[in-house]
Amino acid sequence: MALKSSPTRYGAVAITIHWLTALAILLMLVSGLGAANTADAAIEFNLLRAHAIMGTLVGILTLLRIIWWLFLDRRPADAAGLSRGQARAAHIVHYGLYAVILVMVSSGIGTVVLSGAAAQLTGAAALPLPDFAAVPPFTVHGLLARLLMVLLVGHIGAALWHQFIKRDRLLARMGAGS
C-alpha cells in the first residue's frame, strides 16, 4: 500500500491517522463519561488523567491529519455513486469532526488550566480535583462532547450503510472491509 492516497483510495499514512484517531476518541469518550459518572475520587482521577492524555493525542492526530491533507497529500475523490447531497453531507461531517475535536481539545485545556487541575493531573498536587463546572470552558466541552457523539454516529452509520446496505465497498478505501 502506498504512503500517499490515490484518486480512489486513502494511503497508509491517512489510514493510520484515521484509525489511531478513532481508537483514541473511543478511549477519550469512555474515560470522560466514566469520570463524569463515578463517585469514587480515585477512579475519577485516573479516568480524567487518561481522558486528558487521549484528548491531547486526538488533538495532535487531528492537527497532523490537517497538515497532511494541506501540504503532503491529496484526498481521494468522492466515492463513485454519491449524490451531490450525500457528498456535501460527508464533507460537512468530516469538517465538523475536525472543528469539534479542535475546539474540544482547546476547551479541555482551558478547563484544566482555569480550574487549577493541571497540578493534580500531573501529580504535582494532592487530590481532590477542583469543580470543573465552575469554569466556562467546561460547559463548552460538555456540549461539544454531545455534538461529537452525534457526528460520530452519523459518520459510522453512513460507513456501515455503505458497506452493508449499498454494498459499495466504501470502507475498503479506508483499509477496512472488502
Protein backbone atom coordinates (compact mmCIF):
# COMPACT_ATOMS: atom_id res chain seq x y z
CA MET A 1 0.00 0.00 0.00
CA ALA A 2 1.30 3.43 -0.93
CA LEU A 3 2.00 6.01 1.76
CA LYS A 4 0.02 8.66 -0.09
CA SER A 5 -3.54 8.46 -1.31
CA SER A 6 -4.59 7.57 -4.82
CA PRO A 7 -7.60 9.11 -6.59
CA THR A 8 -9.78 6.26 -5.29
CA ARG A 9 -8.19 5.09 -2.03
CA TYR A 10 -6.58 6.57 1.07
CA GLY A 11 -2.87 5.97 1.58
CA ALA A 12 -1.22 4.23 4.52
CA VAL A 13 -0.49 7.47 6.40
CA ALA A 14 -4.09 8.72 6.16
CA ILE A 15 -5.47 5.30 7.10
CA THR A 16 -3.15 5.03 10.11
CA ILE A 17 -4.03 8.52 11.34
CA HIS A 18 -7.76 7.77 10.88
CA TRP A 19 -7.80 4.51 12.83
CA LEU A 20 -5.48 5.76 15.60
CA THR A 21 -7.73 8.80 15.98
CA ALA A 22 -10.82 6.58 16.07
CA LEU A 23 -9.33 4.43 18.83
CA ALA A 24 -8.16 7.47 20.82
CA ILE A 25 -11.62 9.10 20.50
CA LEU A 26 -13.29 5.92 21.73
CA LEU A 27 -10.95 5.77 24.74
CA MET A 28 -11.39 9.50 25.34
CA LEU A 29 -15.19 9.26 25.32
CA VAL A 30 -15.22 6.19 27.58
CA SER A 31 -12.83 7.77 30.08
CA GLY A 32 -14.66 11.11 30.06
CA LEU A 33 -18.09 9.56 30.52
CA GLY A 34 -16.72 7.20 33.14
CA ALA A 35 -15.15 10.06 35.10
CA ALA A 36 -18.39 12.05 34.96
CA ASN A 37 -20.41 9.10 36.27
CA THR A 38 -18.30 7.81 39.15
CA ALA A 39 -18.45 8.82 42.79
CA ASP A 40 -15.04 7.32 43.61
CA ALA A 41 -12.42 10.10 43.64
CA ALA A 42 -9.50 7.79 42.86
CA ILE A 43 -11.28 6.25 39.86
CA GLU A 44 -12.35 9.71 38.67
CA PHE A 45 -8.75 10.92 38.92
CA ASN A 46 -7.35 8.00 36.91
CA LEU A 47 -10.07 8.31 34.28
CA LEU A 48 -9.54 12.07 33.95
CA ARG A 49 -5.81 11.60 33.59
CA ALA A 50 -6.43 9.03 30.80
CA HIS A 51 -9.04 11.38 29.30
CA ALA A 52 -6.56 14.27 29.20
CA ILE A 53 -3.88 12.10 27.61
CA MET A 54 -6.28 10.72 24.98
CA GLY A 55 -7.71 14.18 24.29
CA THR A 56 -4.22 15.55 23.72
CA LEU A 57 -3.43 12.63 21.42
CA VAL A 58 -6.66 13.19 19.46
CA GLY A 59 -5.77 16.87 19.08
CA ILE A 60 -2.25 16.09 17.87
CA LEU A 61 -3.52 13.46 15.43
CA THR A 62 -6.18 15.86 14.11
CA LEU A 63 -3.60 18.61 13.54
CA LEU A 64 -1.31 16.06 11.89
CA ARG A 65 -4.19 14.98 9.64
CA ILE A 66 -4.94 18.56 8.63
CA ILE A 67 -1.26 19.26 7.91
CA TRP A 68 -1.05 16.00 5.94
CA TRP A 69 -4.01 16.98 3.76
CA LEU A 70 -2.97 20.58 3.27
CA PHE A 71 0.69 20.08 2.45
CA LEU A 72 1.63 16.48 1.81
CA ASP A 73 -1.21 14.51 0.25
CA ARG A 74 -4.49 14.84 -1.60
CA ARG A 75 -7.75 13.32 -0.55
CA PRO A 76 -9.26 10.76 -2.90
CA ALA A 77 -12.18 11.93 -4.98
CA ASP A 78 -15.64 11.46 -3.55
CA ALA A 79 -16.81 7.88 -3.86
CA ALA A 80 -18.47 6.96 -7.12
CA GLY A 81 -22.23 6.92 -6.99
CA LEU A 82 -22.65 9.55 -4.27
CA SER A 83 -25.32 12.12 -4.91
CA ARG A 84 -24.39 15.77 -4.57
CA GLY A 85 -26.30 15.88 -1.25
CA GLN A 86 -24.51 12.82 0.10
CA ALA A 87 -21.12 14.22 -0.88
CA ARG A 88 -21.98 17.55 0.75
CA ALA A 89 -23.18 15.80 3.92
CA ALA A 90 -19.97 13.74 4.06
CA HIS A 91 -17.84 16.89 3.76
CA ILE A 92 -19.88 18.68 6.45
CA VAL A 93 -19.50 15.75 8.84
CA HIS A 94 -15.76 15.40 8.20
CA TYR A 95 -15.01 19.10 8.61
CA GLY A 96 -17.41 19.23 11.55
CA LEU A 97 -15.47 16.44 13.23
CA TYR A 98 -12.18 18.29 12.76
CA ALA A 99 -13.64 21.55 14.10
CA VAL A 100 -15.38 19.95 17.08
CA ILE A 101 -12.27 17.98 18.01
CA LEU A 102 -10.01 21.04 17.90
CA VAL A 103 -12.42 23.18 19.93
CA MET A 104 -12.92 20.31 22.40
CA VAL A 105 -9.17 19.98 22.89
CA SER A 106 -8.95 23.75 23.43
CA SER A 107 -11.86 23.78 25.87
CA GLY A 108 -10.39 20.77 27.69
CA ILE A 109 -7.06 22.55 28.07
CA GLY A 110 -8.91 25.70 29.16
CA THR A 111 -10.87 23.72 31.73
CA VAL A 112 -7.73 22.15 33.19
CA VAL A 113 -5.83 25.45 33.29
CA LEU A 114 -8.65 27.65 34.63
CA SER A 115 -9.79 25.13 37.23
CA GLY A 116 -6.27 24.58 38.52
CA ALA A 117 -6.47 20.82 37.87
CA ALA A 118 -3.17 20.69 35.97
CA ALA A 119 -1.30 20.27 39.24
CA GLN A 120 -3.43 17.28 40.26
CA LEU A 121 -3.41 15.64 36.83
CA THR A 122 0.38 15.85 36.62
CA GLY A 123 0.79 14.54 40.17
CA ALA A 124 2.27 17.80 41.48
CA ALA A 125 -0.61 18.40 43.91
CA ALA A 126 -2.84 16.25 46.06
CA LEU A 127 -6.47 15.48 45.40
CA PRO A 128 -9.31 16.45 45.49
CA LEU A 129 -9.88 17.64 41.97
CA PRO A 130 -11.43 21.08 41.58
CA ASP A 131 -15.01 21.69 40.47
CA PHE A 132 -14.72 21.73 36.69
CA ALA A 133 -18.26 23.03 36.27
CA ALA A 134 -17.13 26.33 37.81
CA VAL A 135 -15.13 27.31 34.71
CA PRO A 136 -16.81 28.37 31.42
CA PRO A 137 -14.81 26.12 29.03
CA PHE A 138 -16.24 23.06 30.81
CA THR A 139 -19.75 23.91 29.58
CA VAL A 140 -18.46 24.22 26.01
CA HIS A 141 -16.57 20.94 26.43
CA GLY A 142 -19.70 19.11 27.57
CA LEU A 143 -21.88 20.50 24.78
CA LEU A 144 -19.29 19.64 22.15
CA ALA A 145 -18.92 16.12 23.55
CA ARG A 146 -22.59 15.56 22.73
CA LEU A 147 -22.15 17.07 19.26
CA LEU A 148 -19.08 14.88 18.71
CA MET A 149 -21.13 11.79 19.54
CA VAL A 150 -23.84 12.84 17.06
CA LEU A 151 -21.27 13.42 14.33
CA LEU A 152 -19.61 10.08 15.08
CA VAL A 153 -22.93 8.24 14.92
CA GLY A 154 -23.58 9.88 11.55
CA HIS A 155 -20.08 9.08 10.28
CA ILE A 156 -20.08 5.47 11.46
CA GLY A 157 -23.71 4.96 10.42
CA ALA A 158 -23.01 6.20 6.90
CA ALA A 159 -19.92 3.98 6.61
CA LEU A 160 -21.88 0.93 7.76
CA TRP A 161 -24.79 1.79 5.45
CA HIS A 162 -22.40 1.95 2.51
CA GLN A 163 -20.68 -1.29 3.50
CA PHE A 164 -23.69 -3.45 4.38
CA ILE A 165 -26.74 -1.91 2.67
CA LYS A 166 -25.34 -0.37 -0.51
CA ARG A 167 -22.52 -2.92 -0.61
CA ASP A 168 -20.32 -0.44 -2.48
CA ARG A 169 -17.15 -1.37 -0.54
CA LEU A 170 -16.66 2.23 0.61
CA LEU A 171 -14.83 1.07 3.75
CA ALA A 172 -12.15 -0.56 1.59
CA ARG A 173 -10.98 2.98 0.72
CA MET A 174 -10.04 3.35 4.40
CA GLY A 175 -8.38 -0.05 4.66
CA ALA A 176 -11.36 -1.91 6.16
CA GLY A 177 -13.88 -4.28 4.67
CA SER A 178 -13.65 -5.98 1.35
